[in-house]
Amino acid sequence: MKISIGNDHAGPDYKKAIVDFLKQKGYEILNHGTDTFDSVDYPDFGHPVAIDVETGKADFGVVICGSGNGINMTVNKHQGIRSALCWTKEIAALARQHNDANIISIPARFTSIQQAVEMVDTFLNTNFEGGRHANRVNKIACQ
């Protein structure tokens, strides 16, 4: 499975921990994030992740910025992307189960690295329930 990841200057440590964890689990990583703490613009790192997921180059995406909001708004501008801002593994599970989210957005300044790794693990190992949720998810895309 391929995972695309992108982050701004708030997330290099988070990205490293998540990438290391995912590689140990056998995932292939497409890395679009910065490795420094120098100020950058999160859209420059979010759009490539969204494109990877949107085009099928990646199965899922992980995006990280300080609040998680800016990069989440960025990737959600792409049709076919359902990115969820998550701050607990329970919300990560619900984002997959009920919303068929395909990108998880992590707020680096409001979660620990361990929480972030656990959220990503939960997100990637939770299936969409379909059923009553499928009709709702189908209504998300702009017509």
Protein backbone atom coordinates (compact mmCIF):
# COMPACT_ATOMS: atom_id res chain seq x y z
CA MET A 1 0.00 0.00 0.00
CA LYS A 2 1.24 3.50 -0.85
CA ILE A 3 0.88 6.42 1.53
CA SER A 4 1.53 10.01 0.49
CA ILE A 5 2.66 12.34 3.26
CA GLY A 6 3.15 16.08 3.40
CA ASN A 7 3.93 18.52 6.17
CA ASP A 8 4.98 22.07 6.84
CA HIS A 9 7.55 23.34 9.33
CA ALA A 10 5.41 22.28 12.33
CA GLY A 11 5.65 18.62 11.41
CA PRO A 12 9.13 17.30 10.47
CA ASP A 13 9.46 15.28 13.69
CA TYR A 14 5.93 13.96 13.29
CA LYS A 15 6.54 13.00 9.68
CA LYS A 16 9.76 11.18 10.54
CA ALA A 17 8.08 9.15 13.28
CA ILE A 18 5.09 8.32 11.07
CA VAL A 19 7.25 7.40 8.07
CA ASP A 20 9.51 5.19 10.22
CA PHE A 21 6.44 3.43 11.67
CA LEU A 22 4.82 2.94 8.26
CA LYS A 23 8.00 1.63 6.66
CA GLN A 24 8.32 -0.94 9.48
CA LYS A 25 4.79 -2.06 8.59
CA GLY A 26 5.74 -2.45 4.92
CA TYR A 27 4.04 0.62 3.48
CA GLU A 28 5.57 2.49 0.54
CA ILE A 29 5.90 6.23 1.23
CA LEU A 30 5.63 9.17 -1.15
CA ASN A 31 7.21 12.04 0.79
CA HIS A 32 6.23 15.60 -0.09
CA GLY A 33 6.98 17.18 3.28
CA THR A 34 9.71 19.47 4.46
CA ASP A 35 12.46 18.14 6.70
CA THR A 36 13.30 21.50 8.28
CA PHE A 37 11.71 23.86 10.77
CA ASP A 38 12.18 26.83 8.42
CA SER A 39 8.86 28.54 7.72
CA VAL A 40 7.14 27.24 4.57
CA ASP A 41 3.66 27.41 3.07
CA TYR A 42 1.55 24.33 3.84
CA PRO A 43 -0.33 24.38 0.48
CA ASP A 44 2.96 23.63 -1.28
CA PHE A 45 3.05 20.31 0.58
CA GLY A 46 -0.67 19.54 0.78
CA HIS A 47 -1.56 19.80 -2.91
CA PRO A 48 0.93 17.07 -3.99
CA VAL A 49 -0.53 14.69 -1.40
CA ALA A 50 -4.06 15.38 -2.59
CA ILE A 51 -3.01 14.83 -6.20
CA ASP A 52 -1.37 11.51 -5.29
CA VAL A 53 -4.57 10.26 -3.64
CA GLU A 54 -6.88 11.82 -6.23
CA THR A 55 -5.05 10.17 -9.14
CA GLY A 56 -4.57 6.80 -7.44
CA LYS A 57 -0.82 7.15 -7.16
CA ALA A 58 -1.32 6.69 -3.38
CA ASP A 59 -3.99 4.77 -1.50
CA PHE A 60 -4.19 7.22 1.40
CA GLY A 61 -2.62 10.47 2.52
CA VAL A 62 -1.29 11.98 5.73
CA VAL A 63 -0.92 15.75 6.09
CA ILE A 64 0.51 17.68 9.03
CA CYS A 65 0.61 21.34 9.99
CA GLY A 66 0.45 23.27 13.25
CA SER A 67 -3.31 23.30 13.73
CA GLY A 68 -4.07 20.73 11.05
CA ASN A 69 -6.67 23.14 9.67
CA GLY A 70 -4.82 24.95 6.89
CA ILE A 71 -3.43 21.86 5.23
CA ASN A 72 -6.78 20.10 5.71
CA MET A 73 -8.59 22.95 3.92
CA THR A 74 -5.99 22.78 1.15
CA VAL A 75 -6.36 19.08 0.38
CA ASN A 76 -10.15 19.23 0.63
CA LYS A 77 -10.21 21.63 -2.34
CA HIS A 78 -9.54 18.59 -4.55
CA GLN A 79 -12.50 16.58 -5.87
CA GLY A 80 -12.47 13.05 -4.54
CA ILE A 81 -10.58 14.00 -1.40
CA ARG A 82 -12.22 13.55 1.97
CA SER A 83 -9.67 14.71 4.49
CA ALA A 84 -10.46 14.58 8.18
CA LEU A 85 -8.83 16.67 10.89
CA CYS A 86 -8.20 14.21 13.72
CA TRP A 87 -6.90 14.68 17.24
CA THR A 88 -7.72 11.27 18.73
CA LYS A 89 -7.58 7.74 17.36
CA GLU A 90 -11.33 7.43 17.99
CA ILE A 91 -11.99 10.33 15.63
CA ALA A 92 -9.57 8.81 13.12
CA ALA A 93 -11.57 5.57 13.23
CA LEU A 94 -14.88 7.39 12.78
CA ALA A 95 -13.48 9.40 9.88
CA ARG A 96 -12.84 6.12 8.06
CA GLN A 97 -15.94 4.23 9.25
CA HIS A 98 -18.52 6.95 8.64
CA ASN A 99 -16.92 9.35 6.15
CA ASP A 100 -14.65 7.12 4.05
CA ALA A 101 -11.88 9.68 4.62
CA ASN A 102 -8.85 9.12 2.41
CA ILE A 103 -6.51 11.66 4.02
CA ILE A 104 -5.89 12.24 7.69
CA SER A 105 -4.88 15.71 8.84
CA ILE A 106 -2.86 15.97 12.05
CA PRO A 107 -2.51 19.07 14.24
CA ALA A 108 1.14 18.87 15.33
CA ARG A 109 0.83 21.60 17.95
CA PHE A 110 -2.10 19.89 19.66
CA THR A 111 -1.16 16.18 19.65
CA SER A 112 1.91 14.24 20.69
CA ILE A 113 4.00 12.32 18.20
CA GLN A 114 2.84 9.05 19.78
CA GLN A 115 -0.80 10.11 19.40
CA ALA A 116 -0.15 10.98 15.76
CA VAL A 117 1.38 7.58 15.03
CA GLU A 118 -1.54 5.83 16.76
CA MET A 119 -4.06 7.91 14.80
CA VAL A 120 -2.40 7.05 11.48
CA ASP A 121 -2.28 3.36 12.40
CA THR A 122 -5.97 3.40 13.36
CA PHE A 123 -6.90 5.37 10.24
CA LEU A 124 -5.16 2.96 7.90
CA ASN A 125 -6.56 -0.13 9.61
CA THR A 126 -10.19 0.94 9.77
CA ASN A 127 -12.62 0.16 6.97
CA PHE A 128 -15.50 2.25 5.67
CA GLU A 129 -18.79 0.82 6.97
CA GLY A 130 -20.82 1.76 3.91
CA GLY A 131 -24.54 1.21 4.46
CA ARG A 132 -26.34 4.34 5.60
CA HIS A 133 -23.03 6.24 5.45
CA ALA A 134 -22.47 5.58 1.73
CA ASN A 135 -25.39 7.78 0.66
CA ARG A 136 -24.07 10.64 2.82
CA VAL A 137 -20.54 10.30 1.48
CA ASN A 138 -21.87 10.30 -2.08
CA LYS A 139 -23.51 13.68 -1.40
CA ILE A 140 -20.20 15.32 -0.40
CA ALA A 141 -18.81 15.82 -3.92
CA CYS A 142 -19.89 18.97 -5.76
CA GLN A 143 -22.08 18.22 -8.74
